[in-house]
Amino acid sequence: MMPLVWFAAREPRRSVLWAVLGSMVVILTPFIAGISAGDRVTELARLLVGVLVYTALALVVNELSRQYAAQLRLSEEREAVVRTEITRAAEVQRSLLPGALADTPGYALAGTCLPSTTVGGDFFDWYRTDDGVAMTLGDVMGKGVGAGLIAAAVRATVRSSRRDPDPGAAIVRASEGLATDLADGPDSVVFTTLFHARLRGDVLHWADAGHGLTVVVREDGGAERLSTPDLPIGLGLGLHDAWETRTTALCPGDLVVCFSDGVLDLFGGGLDSVEHVAALARRDPRPSSVVDALADLARELGHDDDVTVVALRREPVAAPVAGDVLAPVAVAAPTAP
C-alpha cells in the first residue's frame, strides 16, 4: 500500500500508471509461482477488483498531490509579489529621507532611520526655511507598510506647512490630515507622536505631539528635555488647535537630539535613557557622531522597534579674518540604514 501511495503522490499523471502496474505485479505473483487451475479464476477476479480499487486510490492521491502542488506554486508566486512590493515600498521610504542641506552656515544636522522590518513607521525630515532650518521626527504606531504609508502622509503634510512659521500650526494640519471618523470603530485609530521645530537665530520654536523624546544638550554640559502634555495626533478625539508652540534658547554650541522610542530599548526602556543620549552628546557634540554612535549601538544590540535619530547643532560662526572667505558649516547627510 505504501509504495502505491508514494508513486501516486508524484505530480505527473503517469505516476498513476506506475502505481497500478506495481499493484498488478504484486497480485500476479501467485500466477508466476504457480497455482492450480481452480484457483486461477478466483485470482483473476481478485486481480480485477484490486486493479480497480488501487487505480481509484492512485487517482485520488495523485489529484490531491497535484492540487497541493498548484496551491504551493500559487502561494510562492503571491509571496514573491508581496516581497517585491515591500521592497519597492522600502525604496520609496528611503527616497523620502532628506538630503544634505547646502549653504547653511551656522547649522549642522545628521539623522538616521533604522526600521525593525523592511518598512518602518518612523520618519525624520529637515529643510531650509526663510530664516533658518526646520526639523521633524515622527513615530507611527505599529510597523510595516501600513505604518510606513501613514508616516509618508504625515511627513508630506508637515512639510507642506514650511511657509507657516508656527510649528504648532503644522502639527494641527497633520492632525487634520489624520482625522478619524469614530464611527469606524476603535480599530481604525492609528496615532502618531510627532516633534516639529524651527530654529530661527538663537531661538528654537517647537511643538510636541505626545513624543517627549527630545533633549537639548548645552555647550556647558547641561541638558534639558523638551516635553509637553500635548497628545499624539490621529487619536480621533476631535482635537483642534491642541498643540502649542514653545520656545527654547539655542545658543551657539548647543545641540538638539530627537529620537524615537526604539532608542529607549537600547538603554533598558526607561526615560532615564534620555540621560544616556545626553551623555553620548557630551562626549562628542557633533550631530554626525551622536547619530552614528546610536546607530552602531542599535546594530550591535539588535532592535525590535524602529530606531530613528535626528540631531541639530547651532554652530558658532566665526568672524572672517581679513582676506579670508567664510566657508559654510558642513552638514551631514542622513545615515543609510
C-alpha atoms as a PDB file:
ATOM      1  CA  MET A   1       0.000   0.000   0.000  1.00  0.00           C
ATOM      2  CA  MET A   2       2.741   2.487   0.936  1.00  0.00           C
ATOM      3  CA  PRO A   3       4.628   2.117  -2.375  1.00  0.00           C
ATOM      4  CA  LEU A   4       1.340   2.714  -4.190  1.00  0.00           C
ATOM      5  CA  VAL A   5       0.728   5.978  -2.270  1.00  0.00           C
ATOM      6  CA  TRP A   6       4.334   7.062  -2.759  1.00  0.00           C
ATOM      7  CA  PHE A   7       4.210   6.572  -6.539  1.00  0.00           C
ATOM      8  CA  ALA A   8       0.756   8.115  -6.923  1.00  0.00           C
ATOM      9  CA  ALA A   9       1.704  11.185  -4.865  1.00  0.00           C
ATOM     10  CA  ARG A  10       4.106  12.271  -7.560  1.00  0.00           C
ATOM     11  CA  GLU A  11       2.584  15.043  -9.677  1.00  0.00           C
ATOM     12  CA  PRO A  12       2.712  13.625 -13.278  1.00  0.00           C
ATOM     13  CA  ARG A  13      -0.344  11.615 -14.307  1.00  0.00           C
ATOM     14  CA  ARG A  14       1.851   8.744 -15.476  1.00  0.00           C
ATOM     15  CA  SER A  15       2.667   8.143 -11.828  1.00  0.00           C
ATOM     16  CA  VAL A  16      -0.798   6.580 -11.538  1.00  0.00           C
ATOM     17  CA  LEU A  17       0.117   4.063 -14.259  1.00  0.00           C
ATOM     18  CA  TRP A  18       3.304   3.073 -12.421  1.00  0.00           C
ATOM     19  CA  ALA A  19       1.365   2.633  -9.194  1.00  0.00           C
ATOM     20  CA  VAL A  20      -1.261   0.413 -10.872  1.00  0.00           C
ATOM     21  CA  LEU A  21       1.368  -1.678 -12.668  1.00  0.00           C
ATOM     22  CA  GLY A  22       3.137  -2.192  -9.386  1.00  0.00           C
ATOM     23  CA  SER A  23      -0.079  -3.391  -7.783  1.00  0.00           C
ATOM     24  CA  MET A  24      -0.699  -5.804 -10.674  1.00  0.00           C
ATOM     25  CA  VAL A  25       2.782  -7.279 -10.296  1.00  0.00           C
ATOM     26  CA  VAL A  26       2.086  -7.951  -6.630  1.00  0.00           C
ATOM     27  CA  ILE A  27      -1.280  -9.554  -7.362  1.00  0.00           C
ATOM     28  CA  LEU A  28       0.083 -11.661 -10.262  1.00  0.00           C
ATOM     29  CA  THR A  29       2.872 -13.096  -8.155  1.00  0.00           C
ATOM     30  CA  PRO A  30       0.838 -16.274  -7.334  1.00  0.00           C
ATOM     31  CA  PHE A  31       0.468 -16.971 -11.072  1.00  0.00           C
ATOM     32  CA  ILE A  32       4.195 -16.751 -11.519  1.00  0.00           C
ATOM     33  CA  ALA A  33       4.775 -19.025  -8.533  1.00  0.00           C
ATOM     34  CA  GLY A  34       2.236 -21.446  -9.953  1.00  0.00           C
ATOM     35  CA  ILE A  35      -1.308 -22.138  -8.760  1.00  0.00           C
ATOM     36  CA  SER A  36      -3.944 -24.719  -9.529  1.00  0.00           C
ATOM     37  CA  ALA A  37      -6.380 -24.203 -12.398  1.00  0.00           C
ATOM     38  CA  GLY A  38      -9.297 -23.872  -9.968  1.00  0.00           C
ATOM     39  CA  ASP A  39      -7.686 -21.043  -8.174  1.00  0.00           C
ATOM     40  CA  ARG A  40      -6.877 -19.092 -11.293  1.00  0.00           C
ATOM     41  CA  VAL A  41     -10.447 -17.818 -11.750  1.00  0.00           C
ATOM     42  CA  THR A  42     -10.512 -16.623  -8.176  1.00  0.00           C
ATOM     43  CA  GLU A  43      -7.147 -14.925  -8.512  1.00  0.00           C
ATOM     44  CA  LEU A  44      -8.193 -13.261 -11.756  1.00  0.00           C
ATOM     45  CA  ALA A  45     -11.310 -11.875 -10.041  1.00  0.00           C
ATOM     46  CA  ARG A  46      -9.166 -10.633  -7.189  1.00  0.00           C
ATOM     47  CA  LEU A  47      -6.818  -9.076  -9.743  1.00  0.00           C
ATOM     48  CA  LEU A  48      -9.665  -7.211 -11.446  1.00  0.00           C
ATOM     49  CA  VAL A  49     -11.100  -5.897  -8.183  1.00  0.00           C
ATOM     50  CA  GLY A  50      -7.654  -4.989  -6.875  1.00  0.00           C
ATOM     51  CA  VAL A  51      -6.733  -3.103 -10.033  1.00  0.00           C
ATOM     52  CA  LEU A  52      -9.973  -1.106  -9.894  1.00  0.00           C
ATOM     53  CA  VAL A  53      -9.567  -0.264  -6.218  1.00  0.00           C
ATOM     54  CA  TYR A  54      -5.899   0.625  -6.448  1.00  0.00           C
ATOM     55  CA  THR A  55      -6.470   2.654  -9.615  1.00  0.00           C
ATOM     56  CA  ALA A  56      -9.145   4.709  -7.878  1.00  0.00           C
ATOM     57  CA  LEU A  57      -6.887   5.193  -4.850  1.00  0.00           C
ATOM     58  CA  ALA A  58      -3.961   6.175  -7.027  1.00  0.00           C
ATOM     59  CA  LEU A  59      -6.082   8.680  -8.933  1.00  0.00           C
ATOM     60  CA  VAL A  60      -7.335  10.286  -5.704  1.00  0.00           C
ATOM     61  CA  VAL A  61      -3.849  10.517  -4.203  1.00  0.00           C
ATOM     62  CA  ASN A  62      -2.424  11.886  -7.440  1.00  0.00           C
ATOM     63  CA  GLU A  63      -5.165  14.514  -7.770  1.00  0.00           C
ATOM     64  CA  LEU A  64      -4.690  15.657  -4.189  1.00  0.00           C
ATOM     65  CA  SER A  65      -0.957  15.892  -4.806  1.00  0.00           C
ATOM     66  CA  ARG A  66      -1.470  17.950  -7.951  1.00  0.00           C
ATOM     67  CA  GLN A  67      -3.863  20.322  -6.194  1.00  0.00           C
ATOM     68  CA  TYR A  68      -1.446  20.774  -3.304  1.00  0.00           C
ATOM     69  CA  ALA A  69       1.434  21.468  -5.699  1.00  0.00           C
ATOM     70  CA  ALA A  70      -0.670  24.017  -7.586  1.00  0.00           C
ATOM     71  CA  GLN A  71      -1.625  25.786  -4.340  1.00  0.00           C
ATOM     72  CA  LEU A  72       2.003  25.796  -3.247  1.00  0.00           C
ATOM     73  CA  ARG A  73       3.113  27.385  -6.522  1.00  0.00           C
ATOM     74  CA  LEU A  74       0.362  29.991  -6.255  1.00  0.00           C
ATOM     75  CA  SER A  75       1.378  30.815  -2.682  1.00  0.00           C
ATOM     76  CA  GLU A  76       5.023  31.168  -3.689  1.00  0.00           C
ATOM     77  CA  GLU A  77       4.084  33.473  -6.565  1.00  0.00           C
ATOM     78  CA  ARG A  78       1.944  35.634  -4.290  1.00  0.00           C
ATOM     79  CA  GLU A  79       4.706  35.749  -1.699  1.00  0.00           C
ATOM     80  CA  ALA A  80       7.171  36.844  -4.367  1.00  0.00           C
ATOM     81  CA  VAL A  81       4.809  39.640  -5.439  1.00  0.00           C
ATOM     82  CA  VAL A  82       4.365  40.799  -1.831  1.00  0.00           C
ATOM     83  CA  ARG A  83       8.110  40.767  -1.251  1.00  0.00           C
ATOM     84  CA  THR A  84       8.651  42.811  -4.385  1.00  0.00           C
ATOM     85  CA  GLU A  85       6.023  45.340  -3.321  1.00  0.00           C
ATOM     86  CA  ILE A  86       7.507  45.616   0.177  1.00  0.00           C
ATOM     87  CA  THR A  87      10.981  46.093  -1.279  1.00  0.00           C
ATOM     88  CA  ARG A  88       9.696  48.851  -3.544  1.00  0.00           C
ATOM     89  CA  ALA A  89       7.892  50.459  -0.588  1.00  0.00           C
ATOM     90  CA  ALA A  90      11.145  50.423   1.378  1.00  0.00           C
ATOM     91  CA  GLU A  91      12.969  52.034  -1.545  1.00  0.00           C
ATOM     92  CA  VAL A  92      10.307  54.757  -1.740  1.00  0.00           C
ATOM     93  CA  GLN A  93      10.530  55.322   2.006  1.00  0.00           C
ATOM     94  CA  ARG A  94      14.311  55.671   1.842  1.00  0.00           C
ATOM     95  CA  SER A  95      13.949  58.130  -1.028  1.00  0.00           C
ATOM     96  CA  LEU A  96      11.886  60.373   1.269  1.00  0.00           C
ATOM     97  CA  LEU A  97      14.804  60.847   3.657  1.00  0.00           C
ATOM     98  CA  PRO A  98      16.121  64.416   3.467  1.00  0.00           C
ATOM     99  CA  GLY A  99      19.314  65.178   1.646  1.00  0.00           C
ATOM    100  CA  ALA A 100      22.206  67.257   2.910  1.00  0.00           C
ATOM    101  CA  LEU A 101      21.496  70.961   3.302  1.00  0.00           C
ATOM    102  CA  ALA A 102      23.813  73.216   1.349  1.00  0.00           C
ATOM    103  CA  ASP A 103      24.749  76.839   2.102  1.00  0.00           C
ATOM    104  CA  THR A 104      23.516  76.816   5.691  1.00  0.00           C
ATOM    105  CA  PRO A 105      26.308  78.404   7.715  1.00  0.00           C
ATOM    106  CA  GLY A 106      25.772  78.117  11.445  1.00  0.00           C
ATOM    107  CA  TYR A 107      23.887  74.803  11.401  1.00  0.00           C
ATOM    108  CA  ALA A 108      24.911  71.148  11.377  1.00  0.00           C
ATOM    109  CA  LEU A 109      22.442  68.266  11.076  1.00  0.00           C
ATOM    110  CA  ALA A 110      22.573  64.500  10.906  1.00  0.00           C
ATOM    111  CA  GLY A 111      19.972  61.770  11.061  1.00  0.00           C
ATOM    112  CA  THR A 112      19.291  58.098  10.544  1.00  0.00           C
ATOM    113  CA  CYS A 113      16.323  55.757  10.401  1.00  0.00           C
ATOM    114  CA  LEU A 114      16.804  52.032  11.053  1.00  0.00           C
ATOM    115  CA  PRO A 115      13.487  50.202  10.598  1.00  0.00           C
ATOM    116  CA  SER A 116      12.977  46.958  12.500  1.00  0.00           C
ATOM    117  CA  THR A 117      11.258  45.498   9.424  1.00  0.00           C
ATOM    118  CA  THR A 118      11.706  46.236   5.737  1.00  0.00           C
ATOM    119  CA  VAL A 119       9.324  49.204   6.005  1.00  0.00           C
ATOM    120  CA  GLY A 120       9.141  51.195   9.224  1.00  0.00           C
ATOM    121  CA  GLY A 121       6.736  53.620  10.865  1.00  0.00           C
ATOM    122  CA  ASP A 122       9.359  56.188  11.890  1.00  0.00           C
ATOM    123  CA  PHE A 123      10.491  59.139   9.821  1.00  0.00           C
ATOM    124  CA  PHE A 124      12.560  62.271  10.117  1.00  0.00           C
ATOM    125  CA  ASP A 125      12.911  65.346   7.963  1.00  0.00           C
ATOM    126  CA  TRP A 126      14.642  68.693   7.737  1.00  0.00           C
ATOM    127  CA  TYR A 127      14.584  71.578   5.321  1.00  0.00           C
ATOM    128  CA  ARG A 128      15.594  75.190   4.992  1.00  0.00           C
ATOM    129  CA  THR A 129      13.197  77.983   5.880  1.00  0.00           C
ATOM    130  CA  ASP A 130      13.313  81.665   5.021  1.00  0.00           C
ATOM    131  CA  ASP A 131      15.049  82.448   8.307  1.00  0.00           C
ATOM    132  CA  GLY A 132      16.684  79.213   9.427  1.00  0.00           C
ATOM    133  CA  VAL A 133      16.061  75.477   9.358  1.00  0.00           C
ATOM    134  CA  ALA A 134      13.251  73.135  10.394  1.00  0.00           C
ATOM    135  CA  MET A 135      13.435  69.568  11.670  1.00  0.00           C
ATOM    136  CA  THR A 136      10.796  66.886  12.258  1.00  0.00           C
ATOM    137  CA  LEU A 137      10.653  63.415  13.758  1.00  0.00           C
ATOM    138  CA  GLY A 138       7.569  61.222  13.841  1.00  0.00           C
ATOM    139  CA  ASP A 139       6.748  57.766  15.190  1.00  0.00           C
ATOM    140  CA  VAL A 140       3.629  56.000  13.880  1.00  0.00           C
ATOM    141  CA  MET A 141       2.012  53.306  15.998  1.00  0.00           C
ATOM    142  CA  GLY A 142       2.806  49.907  14.538  1.00  0.00           C
ATOM    143  CA  LYS A 143       5.206  48.687  11.884  1.00  0.00           C
ATOM    144  CA  GLY A 144       5.164  47.576   8.284  1.00  0.00           C
ATOM    145  CA  VAL A 145       3.724  49.014   5.104  1.00  0.00           C
ATOM    146  CA  GLY A 146       0.596  50.465   6.757  1.00  0.00           C
ATOM    147  CA  ALA A 147       2.627  52.455   9.273  1.00  0.00           C
ATOM    148  CA  GLY A 148       5.022  53.496   6.512  1.00  0.00           C
ATOM    149  CA  LEU A 149       2.174  54.924   4.429  1.00  0.00           C
ATOM    150  CA  ILE A 150       0.908  56.976   7.370  1.00  0.00           C
ATOM    151  CA  ALA A 151       4.433  58.182   8.105  1.00  0.00           C
ATOM    152  CA  ALA A 152       4.807  59.374   4.499  1.00  0.00           C
ATOM    153  CA  ALA A 153       1.457  61.191   4.681  1.00  0.00           C
ATOM    154  CA  VAL A 154       2.331  62.945   7.948  1.00  0.00           C
ATOM    155  CA  ARG A 155       5.746  63.954   6.652  1.00  0.00           C
ATOM    156  CA  ALA A 156       4.241  65.409   3.481  1.00  0.00           C
ATOM    157  CA  THR A 157       1.605  67.341   5.431  1.00  0.00           C
ATOM    158  CA  VAL A 158       4.123  68.840   7.849  1.00  0.00           C
ATOM    159  CA  ARG A 159       6.466  69.767   5.020  1.00  0.00           C
ATOM    160  CA  SER A 160       3.601  71.467   3.173  1.00  0.00           C
ATOM    161  CA  SER A 161       3.462  73.907   6.104  1.00  0.00           C
ATOM    162  CA  ARG A 162       7.013  75.113   5.552  1.00  0.00           C
ATOM    163  CA  ARG A 163       5.858  78.691   4.879  1.00  0.00           C
ATOM    164  CA  ASP A 164       3.987  78.801   8.187  1.00  0.00           C
ATOM    165  CA  PRO A 165       6.434  79.885  10.918  1.00  0.00           C
ATOM    166  CA  ASP A 166       4.355  78.253  13.658  1.00  0.00           C
ATOM    167  CA  PRO A 167       5.333  74.609  14.362  1.00  0.00           C
ATOM    168  CA  GLY A 168       2.107  74.060  16.292  1.00  0.00           C
ATOM    169  CA  ALA A 169       0.085  75.000  13.213  1.00  0.00           C
ATOM    170  CA  ALA A 170       1.974  72.398  11.174  1.00  0.00           C
ATOM    171  CA  ILE A 171       1.037  69.701  13.704  1.00  0.00           C
ATOM    172  CA  VAL A 172      -2.593  70.853  13.633  1.00  0.00           C
ATOM    173  CA  ARG A 173      -2.579  70.455   9.856  1.00  0.00           C
ATOM    174  CA  ALA A 174      -1.078  66.985  10.164  1.00  0.00           C
ATOM    175  CA  SER A 175      -3.726  66.067  12.727  1.00  0.00           C
ATOM    176  CA  GLU A 176      -6.492  67.205  10.406  1.00  0.00           C
ATOM    177  CA  GLY A 177      -4.994  65.020   7.699  1.00  0.00           C
ATOM    178  CA  LEU A 178      -5.270  62.023  10.029  1.00  0.00           C
ATOM    179  CA  ALA A 179      -8.751  62.901  11.258  1.00  0.00           C
ATOM    180  CA  THR A 180     -10.566  59.658  12.018  1.00  0.00           C
ATOM    181  CA  ASP A 181     -14.297  59.068  11.998  1.00  0.00           C
ATOM    182  CA  LEU A 182     -15.090  57.409  15.322  1.00  0.00           C
ATOM    183  CA  ALA A 183     -17.943  55.592  13.632  1.00  0.00           C
ATOM    184  CA  ASP A 184     -15.316  53.406  12.019  1.00  0.00           C
ATOM    185  CA  GLY A 185     -14.605  51.911  15.443  1.00  0.00           C
ATOM    186  CA  PRO A 186     -11.525  51.917  17.652  1.00  0.00           C
ATOM    187  CA  ASP A 187      -9.582  49.619  15.342  1.00  0.00           C
ATOM    188  CA  SER A 188      -9.343  52.450  12.811  1.00  0.00           C
ATOM    189  CA  VAL A 189      -7.424  54.734  15.180  1.00  0.00           C
ATOM    190  CA  VAL A 190      -3.713  54.875  14.413  1.00  0.00           C
ATOM    191  CA  PHE A 191      -1.894  57.595  16.307  1.00  0.00           C
ATOM    192  CA  THR A 192       1.437  59.274  15.630  1.00  0.00           C
ATOM    193  CA  THR A 193       3.792  61.002  18.028  1.00  0.00           C
ATOM    194  CA  LEU A 194       5.461  63.986  16.461  1.00  0.00           C
ATOM    195  CA  PHE A 195       8.121  66.597  17.208  1.00  0.00           C
ATOM    196  CA  HIS A 196       8.486  69.585  14.906  1.00  0.00           C
ATOM    197  CA  ALA A 197      10.810  72.547  15.410  1.00  0.00           C
ATOM    198  CA  ARG A 198      12.090  75.592  13.569  1.00  0.00           C
ATOM    199  CA  LEU A 199      15.342  77.245  14.502  1.00  0.00           C
ATOM    200  CA  ARG A 200      15.493  80.993  13.898  1.00  0.00           C
ATOM    201  CA  GLY A 201      18.686  82.574  15.064  1.00  0.00           C
ATOM    202  CA  ASP A 202      19.261  81.528  18.669  1.00  0.00           C
ATOM    203  CA  VAL A 203      15.636  80.585  19.358  1.00  0.00           C
ATOM    204  CA  LEU A 204      14.177  77.133  18.815  1.00  0.00           C
ATOM    205  CA  HIS A 205      10.424  77.249  18.193  1.00  0.00           C
ATOM    206  CA  TRP A 206       9.000  73.781  18.753  1.00  0.00           C
ATOM    207  CA  ALA A 207       5.833  71.772  19.256  1.00  0.00           C
ATOM    208  CA  ASP A 208       5.486  68.249  20.574  1.00  0.00           C
ATOM    209  CA  ALA A 209       2.547  65.895  19.996  1.00  0.00           C
ATOM    210  CA  GLY A 210       2.958  63.185  22.597  1.00  0.00           C
ATOM    211  CA  HIS A 211       6.569  62.446  21.675  1.00  0.00           C
ATOM    212  CA  GLY A 212       8.626  63.758  24.560  1.00  0.00           C
ATOM    213  CA  LEU A 213      11.953  62.301  23.433  1.00  0.00           C
ATOM    214  CA  THR A 214      13.934  65.406  22.616  1.00  0.00           C
ATOM    215  CA  VAL A 215      16.850  66.712  24.639  1.00  0.00           C
ATOM    216  CA  VAL A 216      18.864  69.909  24.353  1.00  0.00           C
ATOM    217  CA  VAL A 217      22.485  69.428  25.396  1.00  0.00           C
ATOM    218  CA  ARG A 218      24.060  72.749  26.243  1.00  0.00           C
ATOM    219  CA  GLU A 219      27.607  73.677  25.391  1.00  0.00           C
ATOM    220  CA  ASP A 220      28.404  73.760  29.137  1.00  0.00           C
ATOM    221  CA  GLY A 221      27.188  70.142  29.545  1.00  0.00           C
ATOM    222  CA  GLY A 222      23.716  70.829  30.897  1.00  0.00           C
ATOM    223  CA  ALA A 223      20.719  69.003  29.458  1.00  0.00           C
ATOM    224  CA  GLU A 224      17.062  69.967  29.081  1.00  0.00           C
ATOM    225  CA  ARG A 225      14.359  67.583  27.990  1.00  0.00           C
ATOM    226  CA  LEU A 226      11.677  69.075  25.738  1.00  0.00           C
ATOM    227  CA  SER A 227       8.282  67.568  26.507  1.00  0.00           C
ATOM    228  CA  THR A 228       4.684  68.695  26.835  1.00  0.00           C
ATOM    229  CA  PRO A 229       1.370  67.205  27.961  1.00  0.00           C
ATOM    230  CA  ASP A 230       0.034  67.547  24.408  1.00  0.00           C
ATOM    231  CA  LEU A 231      -1.420  64.352  22.923  1.00  0.00           C
ATOM    232  CA  PRO A 232      -0.339  62.468  19.781  1.00  0.00           C
ATOM    233  CA  ILE A 233      -2.152  63.142  16.533  1.00  0.00           C
ATOM    234  CA  GLY A 234      -4.593  60.708  14.940  1.00  0.00           C
ATOM    235  CA  LEU A 235      -6.416  59.688  18.118  1.00  0.00           C
ATOM    236  CA  GLY A 236      -9.785  60.598  16.653  1.00  0.00           C
ATOM    237  CA  LEU A 237     -10.728  62.792  19.635  1.00  0.00           C
ATOM    238  CA  GLY A 238     -11.722  65.820  17.575  1.00  0.00           C
ATOM    239  CA  LEU A 239      -8.861  67.924  18.917  1.00  0.00           C
ATOM    240  CA  HIS A 240      -8.422  71.355  17.327  1.00  0.00           C
ATOM    241  CA  ASP A 241      -5.576  73.756  17.984  1.00  0.00           C
ATOM    242  CA  ALA A 242      -4.463  71.466  20.812  1.00  0.00           C
ATOM    243  CA  TRP A 243      -0.737  71.742  20.121  1.00  0.00           C
ATOM    244  CA  GLU A 244       1.075  74.741  21.494  1.00  0.00           C
ATOM    245  CA  THR A 245       4.298  76.213  20.152  1.00  0.00           C
ATOM    246  CA  ARG A 246       7.001  76.779  22.740  1.00  0.00           C
ATOM    247  CA  THR A 247      10.398  78.397  22.557  1.00  0.00           C
ATOM    248  CA  THR A 248      13.795  77.440  23.891  1.00  0.00           C
ATOM    249  CA  ALA A 249      17.040  79.360  23.617  1.00  0.00           C
ATOM    250  CA  LEU A 250      19.592  77.567  21.462  1.00  0.00           C
ATOM    251  CA  CYS A 251      22.925  79.295  21.724  1.00  0.00           C
ATOM    252  CA  PRO A 252      25.956  78.548  19.582  1.00  0.00           C
ATOM    253  CA  GLY A 253      27.388  75.193  20.633  1.00  0.00           C
ATOM    254  CA  ASP A 254      24.046  73.812  21.861  1.00  0.00           C
ATOM    255  CA  LEU A 255      22.777  70.557  20.396  1.00  0.00           C
ATOM    256  CA  VAL A 256      19.216  69.243  19.922  1.00  0.00           C
ATOM    257  CA  VAL A 257      18.796  65.458  19.740  1.00  0.00           C
ATOM    258  CA  CYS A 258      15.391  63.974  18.958  1.00  0.00           C
ATOM    259  CA  PHE A 259      14.867  60.224  18.791  1.00  0.00           C
ATOM    260  CA  SER A 260      12.155  57.566  18.616  1.00  0.00           C
ATOM    261  CA  ASP A 261      11.207  55.161  21.404  1.00  0.00           C
ATOM    262  CA  GLY A 262      13.292  52.463  19.749  1.00  0.00           C
ATOM    263  CA  VAL A 263      16.334  54.226  21.221  1.00  0.00           C
ATOM    264  CA  LEU A 264      14.898  53.755  24.727  1.00  0.00           C
ATOM    265  CA  ASP A 265      15.116  49.985  24.283  1.00  0.00           C
ATOM    266  CA  LEU A 266      18.855  50.290  23.670  1.00  0.00           C
ATOM    267  CA  PHE A 267      19.287  51.550  27.246  1.00  0.00           C
ATOM    268  CA  GLY A 268      16.739  49.456  29.119  1.00  0.00           C
ATOM    269  CA  GLY A 269      13.469  51.053  28.006  1.00  0.00           C
ATOM    270  CA  GLY A 270      13.079  53.751  30.679  1.00  0.00           C
ATOM    271  CA  LEU A 271      13.040  57.522  30.383  1.00  0.00           C
ATOM    272  CA  ASP A 272      16.443  57.612  32.039  1.00  0.00           C
ATOM    273  CA  SER A 273      17.639  56.652  28.553  1.00  0.00           C
ATOM    274  CA  VAL A 274      17.361  60.365  27.731  1.00  0.00           C
ATOM    275  CA  GLU A 275      20.305  60.981  30.050  1.00  0.00           C
ATOM    276  CA  HIS A 276      22.281  58.233  28.302  1.00  0.00           C
ATOM    277  CA  VAL A 277      21.715  60.012  24.990  1.00  0.00           C
ATOM    278  CA  ALA A 278      22.770  63.302  26.572  1.00  0.00           C
ATOM    279  CA  ALA A 279      25.939  61.635  27.855  1.00  0.00           C
ATOM    280  CA  LEU A 280      26.797  60.496  24.327  1.00  0.00           C
ATOM    281  CA  ALA A 281      26.318  64.053  23.103  1.00  0.00           C
ATOM    282  CA  ARG A 282      28.575  65.447  25.813  1.00  0.00           C
ATOM    283  CA  ARG A 283      31.431  63.169  24.742  1.00  0.00           C
ATOM    284  CA  ASP A 284      31.207  64.365  21.140  1.00  0.00           C
ATOM    285  CA  PRO A 285      28.638  67.091  20.356  1.00  0.00           C
ATOM    286  CA  ARG A 286      28.887  66.754  16.596  1.00  0.00           C
ATOM    287  CA  PRO A 287      25.485  65.655  15.246  1.00  0.00           C
ATOM    288  CA  SER A 288      27.031  63.026  12.990  1.00  0.00           C
ATOM    289  CA  SER A 289      28.917  61.492  15.928  1.00  0.00           C
ATOM    290  CA  VAL A 290      25.814  61.248  18.106  1.00  0.00           C
ATOM    291  CA  VAL A 291      23.771  59.705  15.306  1.00  0.00           C
ATOM    292  CA  ASP A 292      26.495  57.246  14.350  1.00  0.00           C
ATOM    293  CA  ALA A 293      27.005  56.177  17.971  1.00  0.00           C
ATOM    294  CA  LEU A 294      23.308  55.363  18.433  1.00  0.00           C
ATOM    295  CA  ALA A 295      23.068  53.647  15.041  1.00  0.00           C
ATOM    296  CA  ASP A 296      26.112  51.495  15.798  1.00  0.00           C
ATOM    297  CA  LEU A 297      24.641  50.555  19.180  1.00  0.00           C
ATOM    298  CA  ALA A 298      21.343  49.556  17.541  1.00  0.00           C
ATOM    299  CA  ARG A 299      23.127  47.352  15.028  1.00  0.00           C
ATOM    300  CA  GLU A 300      25.233  45.783  17.754  1.00  0.00           C
ATOM    301  CA  LEU A 301      22.391  45.020  20.163  1.00  0.00           C
ATOM    302  CA  GLY A 302      19.643  44.444  17.611  1.00  0.00           C
ATOM    303  CA  HIS A 303      16.317  46.229  17.797  1.00  0.00           C
ATOM    304  CA  ASP A 304      12.710  45.049  17.680  1.00  0.00           C
ATOM    305  CA  ASP A 305      11.468  48.600  17.160  1.00  0.00           C
ATOM    306  CA  ASP A 306      12.405  51.260  14.642  1.00  0.00           C
ATOM    307  CA  VAL A 307      15.393  53.359  15.703  1.00  0.00           C
ATOM    308  CA  THR A 308      15.364  56.925  14.401  1.00  0.00           C
ATOM    309  CA  VAL A 309      17.545  59.847  15.449  1.00  0.00           C
ATOM    310  CA  VAL A 310      17.943  63.399  14.179  1.00  0.00           C
ATOM    311  CA  ALA A 311      20.380  65.903  15.658  1.00  0.00           C
ATOM    312  CA  LEU A 312      20.727  69.650  15.065  1.00  0.00           C
ATOM    313  CA  ARG A 313      23.572  71.801  16.380  1.00  0.00           C
ATOM    314  CA  ARG A 314      23.800  75.563  16.406  1.00  0.00           C
ATOM    315  CA  GLU A 315      27.348  76.119  15.282  1.00  0.00           C
ATOM    316  CA  PRO A 316      29.272  79.256  16.197  1.00  0.00           C
ATOM    317  CA  VAL A 317      30.069  81.267  13.076  1.00  0.00           C
ATOM    318  CA  ALA A 318      33.490  82.798  13.467  1.00  0.00           C
ATOM    319  CA  ALA A 319      34.088  86.269  12.155  1.00  0.00           C
ATOM    320  CA  PRO A 320      36.095  86.076   8.941  1.00  0.00           C
ATOM    321  CA  VAL A 321      39.691  87.157   9.075  1.00  0.00           C
ATOM    322  CA  ALA A 322      40.654  89.886   6.676  1.00  0.00           C
ATOM    323  CA  GLY A 323      41.357  88.341   3.309  1.00  0.00           C
ATOM    324  CA  ASP A 324      39.582  85.062   4.150  1.00  0.00           C
ATOM    325  CA  VAL A 325      36.247  83.791   2.859  1.00  0.00           C
ATOM    326  CA  LEU A 326      33.796  82.346   5.386  1.00  0.00           C
ATOM    327  CA  ALA A 327      33.016  78.769   4.422  1.00  0.00           C
ATOM    328  CA  PRO A 328      29.640  77.236   5.276  1.00  0.00           C
ATOM    329  CA  VAL A 329      29.430  74.640   8.004  1.00  0.00           C
ATOM    330  CA  ALA A 330      29.400  71.106   6.611  1.00  0.00           C
ATOM    331  CA  VAL A 331      26.047  69.429   7.033  1.00  0.00           C
ATOM    332  CA  ALA A 332      25.869  65.671   7.386  1.00  0.00           C
ATOM    333  CA  ALA A 333      23.607  63.700   5.119  1.00  0.00           C
ATOM    334  CA  PRO A 334      21.239  61.073   6.537  1.00  0.00           C
ATOM    335  CA  THR A 335      22.937  57.868   7.571  1.00  0.00           C
ATOM    336  CA  ALA A 336      21.950  54.957   5.350  1.00  0.00           C
ATOM    337  CA  PRO A 337      20.206  52.136   7.253  1.00  0.00           C
END
